[in-house]
Protein backbone atom coordinates (compact mmCIF):
# COMPACT_ATOMS: atom_id res chain seq x y z
CA MET A 1 36.46 -58.11 -22.22
CA GLU A 2 39.27 -56.31 -23.84
CA PHE A 3 40.40 -58.81 -26.27
CA GLY A 4 38.99 -58.37 -29.73
CA LYS A 5 37.01 -55.19 -28.29
CA ILE A 6 36.70 -52.86 -31.48
CA ALA A 7 34.98 -49.02 -31.67
CA PRO A 8 31.20 -49.41 -32.79
CA GLU A 9 31.52 -47.53 -36.07
CA MET A 10 33.71 -50.55 -37.09
CA LEU A 11 31.06 -53.28 -36.79
CA PRO A 12 29.70 -52.86 -40.18
CA LYS A 13 33.10 -53.42 -41.67
CA ILE A 14 33.60 -56.74 -40.01
CA ASP A 15 32.94 -59.99 -41.88
CA PHE A 16 31.48 -62.23 -39.10
CA SER A 17 31.56 -65.41 -41.32
CA LEU A 18 33.63 -68.40 -39.63
CA PRO A 19 35.56 -71.01 -41.12
CA GLU A 20 34.11 -74.26 -42.55
CA GLU A 21 34.20 -77.21 -40.10
CA PRO A 22 36.96 -79.23 -40.44
CA PRO A 23 36.31 -83.04 -41.35
CA SER A 24 37.81 -84.09 -38.06
CA ASN A 25 34.98 -83.05 -36.45
CA GLN A 26 33.07 -85.80 -37.06
CA ARG A 27 35.50 -88.01 -34.94
CA PHE A 28 33.58 -86.50 -31.87
CA LEU A 29 30.27 -86.70 -33.41
CA LEU A 30 28.00 -89.85 -33.28
CA CYS A 31 25.92 -90.53 -36.23
CA PRO A 32 22.11 -89.61 -35.77
CA GLN A 33 21.60 -93.42 -35.95
CA HIS A 34 23.98 -94.42 -33.35
CA LYS A 35 22.49 -91.91 -30.72
CA THR A 36 20.15 -94.35 -29.11
CA GLU A 37 23.57 -95.80 -27.89
CA ARG A 38 24.35 -92.75 -25.83
CA ALA A 39 23.49 -93.22 -21.98
CA SER A 40 21.87 -89.89 -21.55
CA GLN A 41 21.03 -87.07 -23.33
CA PRO A 42 23.40 -83.97 -24.37
CA LEU A 43 24.17 -81.76 -21.53
CA ILE A 44 23.67 -78.03 -22.10
CA TYR A 45 25.24 -75.54 -20.10
CA LEU A 46 24.45 -71.76 -20.69
CA GLY A 47 25.54 -68.62 -18.89
CA CYS A 48 27.42 -65.77 -17.91
CA PRO A 49 30.95 -64.74 -16.80
CA ILE A 50 29.93 -62.85 -13.60
CA TRP A 51 26.86 -63.03 -10.92
CA VAL A 52 27.70 -59.88 -8.94
CA HIS A 53 26.24 -57.51 -10.96
CA LYS A 54 24.13 -54.47 -9.50
CA LYS A 55 22.53 -53.46 -12.76
CA TRP A 56 20.94 -57.07 -12.85
CA VAL A 57 18.59 -56.34 -9.75
CA GLY A 58 14.95 -55.58 -11.30
CA SER A 59 15.54 -57.23 -14.25
CA THR A 60 17.36 -60.46 -13.90
CA TYR A 61 17.22 -60.45 -10.14
CA PRO A 62 13.94 -59.34 -8.03
CA PRO A 63 13.83 -56.11 -6.96
CA GLY A 64 15.48 -55.49 -3.80
CA THR A 65 18.20 -58.39 -4.09
CA GLN A 66 20.93 -57.89 -1.74
CA GLU A 67 24.49 -58.95 -3.06
CA GLN A 68 24.73 -61.72 -1.12
CA ASP A 69 21.83 -63.52 -2.56
CA PHE A 70 23.09 -62.55 -5.81
CA LEU A 71 24.39 -66.19 -6.56
CA LYS A 72 21.27 -67.86 -5.70
CA GLN A 73 19.13 -65.72 -8.15
CA TYR A 74 21.87 -66.19 -10.71
CA ALA A 75 21.37 -70.11 -10.10
CA ARG A 76 17.62 -69.77 -10.91
CA GLN A 77 17.93 -68.26 -13.96
CA PHE A 78 21.48 -70.25 -15.83
CA ASN A 79 22.67 -73.41 -14.96
CA CYS A 80 26.71 -72.51 -15.37
CA ILE A 81 29.07 -69.64 -15.10
CA GLU A 82 32.31 -69.11 -16.70
CA LEU A 83 34.25 -68.36 -13.18
CA ASN A 84 36.49 -65.63 -13.97
CA THR A 85 37.26 -64.68 -10.41
CA THR A 86 39.42 -67.69 -10.43
CA HIS A 87 41.89 -66.01 -12.42
CA TYR A 88 43.16 -63.67 -10.26
CA GLN A 89 42.80 -65.73 -7.17
CA ILE A 90 42.34 -69.10 -5.90
CA PRO A 91 39.17 -69.31 -3.64
CA SER A 92 39.20 -70.81 -0.51
CA GLY A 93 37.50 -73.91 0.64
CA ARG A 94 35.07 -72.09 2.74
CA ILE A 95 34.47 -69.42 -0.14
CA ILE A 96 33.61 -72.68 -2.19
CA GLU A 97 31.47 -74.49 0.18
CA LYS A 98 29.55 -71.53 0.30
CA TRP A 99 28.79 -71.23 -3.32
CA CYS A 100 28.07 -74.67 -3.68
CA LYS A 101 25.56 -74.28 -1.10
CA ASP A 102 23.84 -71.80 -3.31
CA VAL A 103 23.34 -73.36 -6.55
CA PRO A 104 21.23 -76.64 -7.27
CA SER A 105 22.53 -79.99 -7.98
CA ASN A 106 22.65 -79.25 -11.96
CA PHE A 107 24.63 -76.33 -11.80
CA ARG A 108 28.15 -76.26 -12.88
CA PHE A 109 31.19 -73.97 -11.90
CA SER A 110 33.64 -73.52 -14.90
CA PRO A 111 36.87 -72.13 -13.22
CA LYS A 112 39.29 -70.09 -14.99
CA PHE A 113 43.00 -71.03 -14.42
CA PRO A 114 44.82 -68.55 -12.52
CA GLN A 115 46.77 -65.87 -14.72
CA GLU A 116 49.91 -66.70 -12.81
CA ILE A 117 49.54 -69.96 -14.28
CA SER A 118 48.36 -69.40 -18.19
CA HIS A 119 50.38 -66.16 -18.63
CA HIS A 120 53.57 -66.58 -16.44
CA LEU A 121 54.49 -70.07 -15.28
CA LEU A 122 52.71 -72.26 -18.38
CA PRO A 123 55.29 -70.69 -20.64
CA LYS A 124 58.09 -71.43 -18.70
CA GLY A 125 57.39 -75.01 -18.45
CA ASN A 126 57.11 -74.89 -14.45
CA ALA A 127 53.48 -74.52 -13.52
CA LYS A 128 53.24 -78.03 -12.17
CA ASP A 129 53.32 -76.94 -8.45
CA LEU A 130 50.71 -74.02 -8.57
CA THR A 131 48.87 -75.94 -10.96
CA GLN A 132 48.63 -78.58 -8.08
CA VAL A 133 47.21 -76.23 -5.88
CA PHE A 134 44.57 -75.02 -7.99
CA LEU A 135 43.15 -78.42 -8.66
CA GLU A 136 43.15 -79.48 -5.00
CA ALA A 137 41.33 -76.36 -4.56
CA ILE A 138 38.72 -76.63 -6.80
CA CYS A 139 38.28 -80.37 -5.99
CA GLY A 140 35.79 -78.79 -3.45
CA PHE A 141 33.08 -77.84 -6.24
CA GLY A 142 32.48 -81.74 -6.33
CA GLN A 143 29.47 -82.66 -8.26
CA HIS A 144 29.24 -78.89 -9.52
CA LEU A 145 32.84 -78.82 -11.10
CA GLY A 146 32.29 -78.21 -14.62
CA HIS A 147 35.11 -78.11 -17.32
CA SER A 148 37.79 -75.67 -16.17
CA PHE A 149 39.16 -73.21 -18.62
CA LEU A 150 42.68 -72.17 -19.67
CA GLN A 151 42.78 -69.06 -21.32
CA LEU A 152 46.22 -68.52 -23.11
CA PRO A 153 47.29 -65.28 -23.54
CA ALA A 154 47.70 -63.81 -26.85
CA HIS A 155 51.68 -63.86 -27.28
CA PHE A 156 51.38 -67.65 -26.36
CA SER A 157 52.09 -68.87 -29.98
CA PRO A 158 53.15 -72.18 -31.53
CA GLN A 159 56.82 -72.16 -30.59
CA TYR A 160 54.94 -73.00 -27.28
CA LEU A 161 53.57 -76.34 -28.24
CA ASP A 162 55.80 -78.37 -26.36
CA LYS A 163 55.25 -76.53 -22.97
CA LEU A 164 51.21 -76.97 -23.48
CA SER A 165 51.92 -80.83 -24.15
CA LYS A 166 54.01 -80.65 -21.19
CA PHE A 167 51.16 -78.77 -19.17
CA LEU A 168 48.62 -81.43 -20.55
CA ASP A 169 50.86 -84.40 -19.64
CA GLU A 170 50.77 -83.47 -15.89
CA LEU A 171 47.47 -83.12 -15.52
CA PRO A 172 45.45 -85.82 -14.22
CA PRO A 173 43.67 -88.04 -17.07
CA ASP A 174 40.13 -87.87 -16.31
CA PHE A 175 40.40 -83.68 -15.69
CA LYS A 176 37.67 -81.67 -17.89
CA LEU A 177 39.43 -78.89 -19.55
CA ALA A 178 38.90 -76.58 -22.28
CA VAL A 179 41.74 -74.40 -24.07
CA GLU A 180 41.54 -70.99 -25.69
CA LEU A 181 44.22 -70.21 -27.94
CA ARG A 182 44.36 -66.52 -29.01
CA HIS A 183 47.30 -66.13 -31.44
CA ALA A 184 46.55 -66.54 -34.59
CA ASP A 185 49.38 -68.73 -35.78
CA TRP A 186 47.38 -71.84 -33.89
CA PHE A 187 44.97 -71.26 -36.45
CA GLY A 188 46.70 -72.65 -39.79
CA ASP A 189 46.15 -75.60 -41.19
CA SER A 190 49.16 -77.78 -40.19
CA VAL A 191 49.25 -76.31 -36.79
CA SER A 192 45.36 -76.91 -36.27
CA GLU A 193 45.70 -80.47 -36.45
CA GLN A 194 48.51 -80.61 -34.26
CA VAL A 195 46.61 -78.56 -31.63
CA ILE A 196 43.28 -81.22 -32.39
CA VAL A 197 45.77 -84.51 -32.03
CA LEU A 198 47.02 -83.09 -28.96
CA LEU A 199 43.65 -81.86 -27.29
CA GLU A 200 42.26 -85.11 -28.24
CA SER A 201 44.99 -87.38 -26.31
CA HIS A 202 43.92 -85.40 -23.20
CA GLY A 203 40.33 -85.20 -23.79
CA ALA A 204 40.46 -81.82 -23.94
CA SER A 205 38.07 -79.42 -25.67
CA TRP A 206 39.27 -76.22 -27.98
CA VAL A 207 37.49 -73.15 -26.75
CA ILE A 208 35.51 -71.40 -29.40
CA THR A 209 35.52 -67.33 -28.98
CA ASP A 210 33.80 -65.58 -31.29
CA VAL A 211 34.72 -61.85 -31.00
CA ALA A 212 34.56 -59.18 -33.20
CA GLY A 213 38.02 -57.65 -33.41
CA GLU A 214 39.92 -61.04 -33.57
CA ARG A 215 38.32 -62.83 -36.50
CA ALA A 216 41.40 -65.10 -36.82
CA VAL A 217 40.66 -66.98 -34.13
CA SER A 218 37.08 -67.65 -34.36
CA HIS A 219 36.45 -71.06 -35.63
CA ARG A 220 34.38 -74.29 -35.45
CA VAL A 221 37.11 -76.95 -34.58
CA LEU A 222 36.05 -79.73 -32.38
CA SER A 223 39.02 -81.36 -30.33
CA SER A 224 36.71 -83.63 -28.10
CA PRO A 225 32.85 -84.74 -27.63
CA SER A 226 32.21 -81.26 -25.60
CA THR A 227 32.55 -77.88 -26.73
CA MET A 228 33.05 -74.46 -24.81
CA ILE A 229 31.70 -71.51 -27.04
CA ARG A 230 32.47 -67.99 -25.48
CA PHE A 231 30.25 -65.43 -27.40
CA VAL A 232 31.38 -61.56 -27.08
CA GLY A 233 28.45 -59.33 -28.42
CA ASN A 234 28.77 -55.88 -28.70
CA GLY A 235 25.82 -54.41 -26.40
CA LEU A 236 22.94 -55.87 -28.99
CA HIS A 237 24.28 -54.28 -31.65
CA GLU A 238 22.16 -55.27 -34.83
CA SER A 239 25.06 -57.54 -35.40
CA ASP A 240 24.88 -59.75 -32.49
CA TYR A 241 21.32 -61.18 -33.74
CA PRO A 242 22.43 -62.82 -36.86
CA ARG A 243 25.50 -64.09 -34.93
CA MET A 244 23.57 -65.94 -31.97
CA GLU A 245 21.17 -66.94 -35.18
CA PHE A 246 24.25 -68.85 -36.46
CA TRP A 247 25.49 -70.61 -33.43
CA ALA A 248 21.86 -71.47 -32.37
CA LYS A 249 21.68 -73.30 -35.76
CA GLN A 250 25.46 -74.65 -35.74
CA LEU A 251 24.70 -76.26 -31.93
CA SER A 252 21.38 -77.36 -33.06
CA LYS A 253 23.40 -79.45 -36.06
CA TRP A 254 25.90 -80.69 -33.50
CA LEU A 255 23.28 -81.65 -30.96
CA HIS A 256 21.67 -83.80 -33.86
CA GLU A 257 24.67 -85.40 -34.76
CA GLY A 258 25.12 -86.69 -31.64
CA ILE A 259 27.79 -84.23 -29.75
CA ALA A 260 27.90 -84.76 -25.69
CA GLU A 261 28.30 -81.80 -24.26
CA ILE A 262 27.90 -77.98 -24.81
CA TYR A 263 28.87 -74.88 -22.54
CA PHE A 264 27.96 -71.31 -23.97
CA PHE A 265 28.88 -68.45 -22.03
CA MET A 266 27.41 -65.00 -23.31
CA HIS A 267 29.73 -61.72 -22.68
CA GLN A 268 28.75 -58.31 -23.30
CA PRO A 269 30.13 -55.18 -22.71
CA SER A 270 29.91 -54.57 -19.37
CA ASN A 271 27.68 -57.41 -19.30
CA ASP A 272 24.84 -55.07 -18.66
CA LEU A 273 22.97 -56.98 -21.26
CA ALA A 274 24.36 -60.54 -21.18
CA PRO A 275 21.44 -62.25 -19.42
CA GLU A 276 18.91 -60.53 -22.06
CA ALA A 277 21.33 -61.75 -24.72
CA LEU A 278 21.19 -65.23 -23.47
CA LYS A 279 17.49 -65.00 -23.13
CA HIS A 280 17.36 -64.20 -27.01
CA PHE A 281 20.09 -67.18 -27.52
CA ILE A 282 18.00 -69.64 -25.55
CA SER A 283 14.84 -68.91 -27.61
CA LEU A 284 16.65 -68.93 -30.98
CA LEU A 285 18.41 -72.73 -29.72
CA ASN A 286 14.88 -74.00 -28.54
CA GLY A 287 13.40 -72.95 -31.83
CA PHE A 288 16.22 -74.45 -34.15
CA ALA A 289 17.39 -77.60 -31.67
CA LYS A 290 13.52 -78.25 -30.36
CA THR A 291 15.35 -78.23 -26.82
CA ASP A 292 13.19 -77.05 -24.05
CA ILE A 293 15.52 -74.97 -21.84
CA CYS A 294 13.59 -72.72 -19.48
CA LEU A 295 13.68 -69.16 -20.63
CA PRO A 296 15.26 -66.91 -18.02
CA LYS A 297 12.87 -64.73 -16.06
CA SER A 298 12.63 -60.91 -16.86
CA TYR A 299 11.64 -58.72 -13.77
CA GLN A 300 10.93 -55.97 -15.92
CA ARG A 301 11.45 -54.11 -19.27
CA LEU A 302 15.46 -53.99 -19.75
CA VAL A 303 14.79 -51.78 -22.85
CA GLN A 304 11.67 -49.96 -23.83
CA GLY A 305 9.94 -51.82 -26.76
CA SER A 306 12.53 -54.78 -26.48
CA LEU A 307 12.11 -57.93 -27.67
CA PHE A 308 11.55 -59.52 -24.17
CA SER A 309 8.99 -57.07 -22.82
């Protein structure tokens, strides 16, 4: 992930604090005394942006795992995937069917909208036709379809607000969507409230991307009872650990206040250490939120003397 990437020697100079939660967040949270009114427990989905990674064989995947079995092994460790492959190509029905056969019933795919839509057609206001093709394709995920992910480019500024509104109007009313905005001007107070109102009116979540080099877009805003956090670490640099602790505490707070659904995706450079980082985060979340999420299994030491050896 190149967005917000900085040189390691710059990390000690970064202020990783985030703005305070806006009062509007309370619109999307149930008070603790009313949590019994909810039909089910909050849904917590945690995963990485890939499952095909040969360096995970012998650590996250059992020794000797073949590539055709990577997804099966991934789905034994995590219950969600940020599906980046759809950003570059819409998968066929046959491929989606195969993926679904490789995962358990509680597993969710969060497909990213094709780049042709998010970066080219949507800013021009003519994304409807290709979006329909994409939506028909991902219907093949059935019960495994999680929140889809619209990642808008860094040049997509508030001047395109009408184009975003038009795009959202063209989606099915019950479509589960999370939207990532990367231009810093979206995060000014007056514009931010417009975004919240727009996304709320379509039941969409405002993606939270916590990344070192673009602190202006790191926030704590909710626009629906669901949230999606994309945590971009720095190879388990010492700064990663307090950041993960911050989010474990924040999600614990939101869980206590009645949030309905959480997606948390762990990114690391080349994603070599993403499973180890996510395992650490799950351990923190279990501690602060009193959840009992199963820790991913490690098949060998990733780092001599590491936390999970």
